[in-house]
C-alpha atoms as a PDB file:
ATOM      1  CA  MET A   1     109.181  90.316 120.672  1.00  0.00           C
ATOM      2  CA  LYS A   2     113.008  90.233 120.028  1.00  0.00           C
ATOM      3  CA  LYS A   3     112.723  88.044 116.683  1.00  0.00           C
ATOM      4  CA  TYR A   4     109.948  91.211 115.143  1.00  0.00           C
ATOM      5  CA  GLN A   5     112.520  93.789 116.512  1.00  0.00           C
ATOM      6  CA  ALA A   6     114.866  91.946 114.481  1.00  0.00           C
ATOM      7  CA  ARG A   7     112.892  91.537 111.714  1.00  0.00           C
ATOM      8  CA  ILE A   8     111.561  95.869 112.228  1.00  0.00           C
ATOM      9  CA  TYR A   9     115.437  96.687 111.455  1.00  0.00           C
ATOM     10  CA  GLN A  10     115.796  94.562 108.898  1.00  0.00           C
ATOM     11  CA  LEU A  11     113.230  95.149 106.484  1.00  0.00           C
ATOM     12  CA  TYR A  12     114.198  99.333 107.803  1.00  0.00           C
ATOM     13  CA  ASN A  13     117.577  98.539 106.648  1.00  0.00           C
ATOM     14  CA  GLN A  14     116.463  96.955 103.114  1.00  0.00           C
ATOM     15  CA  ILE A  15     113.709  99.707 102.200  1.00  0.00           C
ATOM     16  CA  ASN A  16     116.529 102.699 103.315  1.00  0.00           C
ATOM     17  CA  GLY A  17     119.460 101.456 101.127  1.00  0.00           C
ATOM     18  CA  ASN A  18     116.954  99.883  98.294  1.00  0.00           C
ATOM     19  CA  SER A  19     116.220 103.489  96.123  1.00  0.00           C
ATOM     20  CA  ASN A  20     114.829 100.687  92.828  1.00  0.00           C
ATOM     21  CA  LYS A  21     111.466 100.654  94.203  1.00  0.00           C
ATOM     22  CA  GLY A  22     107.777 101.819  92.977  1.00  0.00           C
ATOM     23  CA  SER A  23     106.352 105.216  92.747  1.00  0.00           C
ATOM     24  CA  THR A  24     103.107 106.012  94.473  1.00  0.00           C
ATOM     25  CA  SER A  25     101.874 109.048  91.927  1.00  0.00           C
ATOM     26  CA  ARG A  26      98.683 111.474  91.718  1.00  0.00           C
ATOM     27  CA  GLY A  27      98.542 113.910  89.043  1.00  0.00           C
ATOM     28  CA  SER A  28     102.328 115.688  88.894  1.00  0.00           C
ATOM     29  CA  ILE A  29     103.303 114.506  92.372  1.00  0.00           C
ATOM     30  CA  THR A  30     105.529 111.560  93.093  1.00  0.00           C
ATOM     31  CA  ALA A  31     106.916 109.242  96.129  1.00  0.00           C
ATOM     32  CA  SER A  32     109.112 105.981  96.195  1.00  0.00           C
ATOM     33  CA  SER A  33     107.462 103.314  97.807  1.00  0.00           C
ATOM     34  CA  ASN A  34     110.442 103.210  99.579  1.00  0.00           C
ATOM     35  CA  GLU A  35     110.048 107.422 100.996  1.00  0.00           C
ATOM     36  CA  ILE A  36     105.873 105.955 101.929  1.00  0.00           C
ATOM     37  CA  VAL A  37     107.770 103.210 103.928  1.00  0.00           C
ATOM     38  CA  SER A  38     110.062 104.892 105.397  1.00  0.00           C
ATOM     39  CA  PHE A  39     107.957 108.064 106.572  1.00  0.00           C
ATOM     40  CA  ALA A  40     105.416 105.675 107.754  1.00  0.00           C
ATOM     41  CA  LEU A  41     107.490 103.945 109.956  1.00  0.00           C
ATOM     42  CA  ARG A  42     108.875 107.312 111.408  1.00  0.00           C
ATOM     43  CA  PHE A  43     105.432 107.078 113.667  1.00  0.00           C
ATOM     44  CA  LEU A  44     106.398 103.448 115.576  1.00  0.00           C
ATOM     45  CA  GLY A  45     105.332 103.993 119.059  1.00  0.00           C
ATOM     46  CA  THR A  46     102.699 107.143 118.468  1.00  0.00           C
ATOM     47  CA  PRO A  47     100.002 106.239 120.941  1.00  0.00           C
ATOM     48  CA  TYR A  48      96.224 105.081 119.152  1.00  0.00           C
ATOM     49  CA  VAL A  49      93.710 107.907 119.648  1.00  0.00           C
ATOM     50  CA  TRP A  50      90.313 106.391 119.005  1.00  0.00           C
ATOM     51  CA  GLY A  51      89.179 109.367 115.728  1.00  0.00           C
ATOM     52  CA  GLY A  52      92.784 109.926 115.816  1.00  0.00           C
ATOM     53  CA  ASN A  53      94.813 111.568 112.089  1.00  0.00           C
ATOM     54  CA  THR A  54      97.771 113.805 113.326  1.00  0.00           C
ATOM     55  CA  PRO A  55     101.096 112.080 115.062  1.00  0.00           C
ATOM     56  CA  SER A  56      99.733 113.468 118.492  1.00  0.00           C
ATOM     57  CA  GLY A  57      97.683 109.978 118.115  1.00  0.00           C
ATOM     58  CA  PHE A  58      96.522 108.113 115.188  1.00  0.00           C
ATOM     59  CA  ASP A  59      93.475 105.112 114.739  1.00  0.00           C
ATOM     60  CA  CYS A  60      94.207 102.990 111.417  1.00  0.00           C
ATOM     61  CA  SER A  61      92.465 104.851 108.910  1.00  0.00           C
ATOM     62  CA  GLY A  62      93.825 108.231 110.174  1.00  0.00           C
ATOM     63  CA  TYR A  63      96.925 107.157 109.789  1.00  0.00           C
ATOM     64  CA  VAL A  64      97.273 105.753 106.526  1.00  0.00           C
ATOM     65  CA  LYS A  65      95.229 109.070 105.357  1.00  0.00           C
ATOM     66  CA  TYR A  66      98.622 111.194 107.035  1.00  0.00           C
ATOM     67  CA  VAL A  67     101.061 109.195 105.883  1.00  0.00           C
ATOM     68  CA  TYR A  68      99.914 109.821 102.004  1.00  0.00           C
ATOM     69  CA  ALA A  69      98.789 113.333 102.192  1.00  0.00           C
ATOM     70  CA  HIS A  70     102.240 113.692 102.927  1.00  0.00           C
ATOM     71  CA  PHE A  71     102.641 113.214  99.126  1.00  0.00           C
ATOM     72  CA  GLY A  72     100.008 115.202  97.452  1.00  0.00           C
ATOM     73  CA  ILE A  73      97.447 111.921  98.142  1.00  0.00           C
ATOM     74  CA  ASN A  74      94.057 112.449  99.506  1.00  0.00           C
ATOM     75  CA  LEU A  75      92.339 109.077 100.657  1.00  0.00           C
ATOM     76  CA  PRO A  76      89.280 108.999 102.214  1.00  0.00           C
ATOM     77  CA  ARG A  77      89.236 108.975 106.307  1.00  0.00           C
ATOM     78  CA  ARG A  78      87.304 105.628 107.449  1.00  0.00           C
ATOM     79  CA  ALA A  79      88.959 102.111 106.339  1.00  0.00           C
ATOM     80  CA  SER A  80      86.198 100.942 104.197  1.00  0.00           C
ATOM     81  CA  GLU A  81      86.266 104.084 102.090  1.00  0.00           C
ATOM     82  CA  GLN A  82      89.926 103.977 101.542  1.00  0.00           C
ATOM     83  CA  ALA A  83      88.975 100.194 100.048  1.00  0.00           C
ATOM     84  CA  THR A  84      87.227 101.156  97.745  1.00  0.00           C
ATOM     85  CA  VAL A  85      90.451 103.139  96.370  1.00  0.00           C
ATOM     86  CA  GLY A  86      92.899 101.173  93.695  1.00  0.00           C
ATOM     87  CA  GLN A  87      93.591  98.137  92.524  1.00  0.00           C
ATOM     88  CA  THR A  88      92.987  95.021  94.164  1.00  0.00           C
ATOM     89  CA  VAL A  89      96.345  92.873  94.083  1.00  0.00           C
ATOM     90  CA  SER A  90      97.041  89.396  95.517  1.00  0.00           C
ATOM     91  CA  LEU A  91      99.519  88.628  98.561  1.00  0.00           C
ATOM     92  CA  SER A  92     101.955  87.494  96.152  1.00  0.00           C
ATOM     93  CA  GLU A  93     101.871  90.513  93.877  1.00  0.00           C
ATOM     94  CA  ALA A  94     102.038  92.596  97.068  1.00  0.00           C
ATOM     95  CA  GLN A  95     104.456  95.568  97.237  1.00  0.00           C
ATOM     96  CA  PRO A  96     105.869  97.921 100.292  1.00  0.00           C
ATOM     97  CA  GLY A  97     103.315 100.761 100.286  1.00  0.00           C
ATOM     98  CA  ASP A  98     100.186  98.718  99.468  1.00  0.00           C
ATOM     99  CA  LEU A  99      97.383  99.408 101.592  1.00  0.00           C
ATOM    100  CA  VAL A 100      96.263  96.023 103.715  1.00  0.00           C
ATOM    101  CA  PHE A 101      92.810  95.746 104.599  1.00  0.00           C
ATOM    102  CA  PHE A 102      91.279  93.441 107.856  1.00  0.00           C
ATOM    103  CA  TYR A 103      87.817  91.884 108.965  1.00  0.00           C
ATOM    104  CA  SER A 104      84.176  91.635 106.796  1.00  0.00           C
ATOM    105  CA  PRO A 105      82.989  93.900 106.919  1.00  0.00           C
ATOM    106  CA  ILE A 106      86.271  95.928 106.667  1.00  0.00           C
ATOM    107  CA  SER A 107      87.360  97.643 109.900  1.00  0.00           C
ATOM    108  CA  HIS A 108      90.824  98.047 109.967  1.00  0.00           C
ATOM    109  CA  VAL A 109      93.875  99.027 107.382  1.00  0.00           C
ATOM    110  CA  GLY A 110      97.760  99.108 107.413  1.00  0.00           C
ATOM    111  CA  ILE A 111     100.736  99.679 105.271  1.00  0.00           C
ATOM    112  CA  TYR A 112     102.306  96.945 103.815  1.00  0.00           C
ATOM    113  CA  LEU A 113     106.395  96.743 104.458  1.00  0.00           C
ATOM    114  CA  GLY A 114     106.956  93.170 102.293  1.00  0.00           C
ATOM    115  CA  ASP A 115     107.795  89.677 103.599  1.00  0.00           C
ATOM    116  CA  GLY A 116     104.853  89.480 104.894  1.00  0.00           C
ATOM    117  CA  MET A 117     105.050  92.393 107.769  1.00  0.00           C
ATOM    118  CA  PHE A 118     102.661  95.849 107.958  1.00  0.00           C
ATOM    119  CA  VAL A 119     102.739  99.003 110.396  1.00  0.00           C
ATOM    120  CA  HIS A 120      99.538 100.162 111.490  1.00  0.00           C
ATOM    121  CA  ALA A 121      97.686 101.479 113.985  1.00  0.00           C
ATOM    122  CA  PRO A 122      96.247  99.092 116.329  1.00  0.00           C
ATOM    123  CA  ARG A 123      93.874  99.353 118.791  1.00  0.00           C
ATOM    124  CA  THR A 124      93.081 102.008 121.937  1.00  0.00           C
ATOM    125  CA  GLY A 125      95.961 101.059 124.791  1.00  0.00           C
ATOM    126  CA  ASP A 126      98.459 100.265 122.443  1.00  0.00           C
ATOM    127  CA  VAL A 127     101.084 102.438 119.779  1.00  0.00           C
ATOM    128  CA  VAL A 128     101.508 102.050 116.126  1.00  0.00           C
ATOM    129  CA  LYS A 129     103.198  99.731 115.812  1.00  0.00           C
ATOM    130  CA  ILE A 130     104.417  96.344 113.032  1.00  0.00           C
ATOM    131  CA  SER A 131     102.842  92.656 112.498  1.00  0.00           C
ATOM    132  CA  PRO A 132     103.027  89.740 110.697  1.00  0.00           C
ATOM    133  CA  LEU A 133     100.359  89.275 108.674  1.00  0.00           C
ATOM    134  CA  THR A 134     100.034  86.028 109.665  1.00  0.00           C
ATOM    135  CA  GLY A 135      97.357  85.036 112.078  1.00  0.00           C
ATOM    136  CA  ARG A 136      94.619  87.942 111.034  1.00  0.00           C
ATOM    137  CA  LYS A 137      91.452  87.995 108.913  1.00  0.00           C
ATOM    138  CA  LEU A 138      93.243  89.814 106.166  1.00  0.00           C
ATOM    139  CA  THR A 139      90.548  91.261 103.840  1.00  0.00           C
ATOM    140  CA  LEU A 140      92.142  92.948 100.757  1.00  0.00           C
ATOM    141  CA  ILE A 141      94.996  94.463  99.306  1.00  0.00           C
ATOM    142  CA  LYS A 142      95.023  97.543  97.442  1.00  0.00           C
ATOM    143  CA  ARG A 143      97.253  99.121  94.656  1.00  0.00           C
ATOM    144  CA  GLY A 144      96.372 100.922  91.315  1.00  0.00           C
ATOM    145  CA  SER A 145      95.555 105.003  91.513  1.00  0.00           C
ATOM    146  CA  ILE A 146      97.493 105.088  95.439  1.00  0.00           C
ATOM    147  CA  ILE A 147     100.967 103.352  94.002  1.00  0.00           C
ATOM    148  CA  ASN A 148     102.429 102.093  91.317  1.00  0.00           C
ATOM    149  CA  VAL A 149     104.658  99.945  91.314  1.00  0.00           C
ATOM    150  CA  GLY A 150     107.442  99.195  88.686  1.00  0.00           C
ATOM    151  CA  ALA A 151     110.996  98.619  87.703  1.00  0.00           C
END
């Protein structure tokens, strides 16, 4: 756990200290990938609540929808529906702010942080937290109309 806490701190500082990242755009609304990730990290420790979509409790897709809605981006409610939005990218192309989807059929979603880490609301009895992608059944990574990453 200490290994991950150190990595979380490093990622958080890297994200907050680097303003030359991509942006998210939907119409006239724009937010950088760093802003999205920084906002998402504010909810670390929030309890998982099945069907939850507020800071008093989130499920995975409610969490992702809430984070993106803060920036004016309206995503579908369910993970399987969120997976239909945007362009598929490979893990080697993944950027902070991309959505990562798991299992087949898709039943879990989180927000990619970079360096093989993502933030998500995992399951009942748990909290919003950062986890490694390794050892998980990663199915899909999405960007496109949700995230436009540029230099």
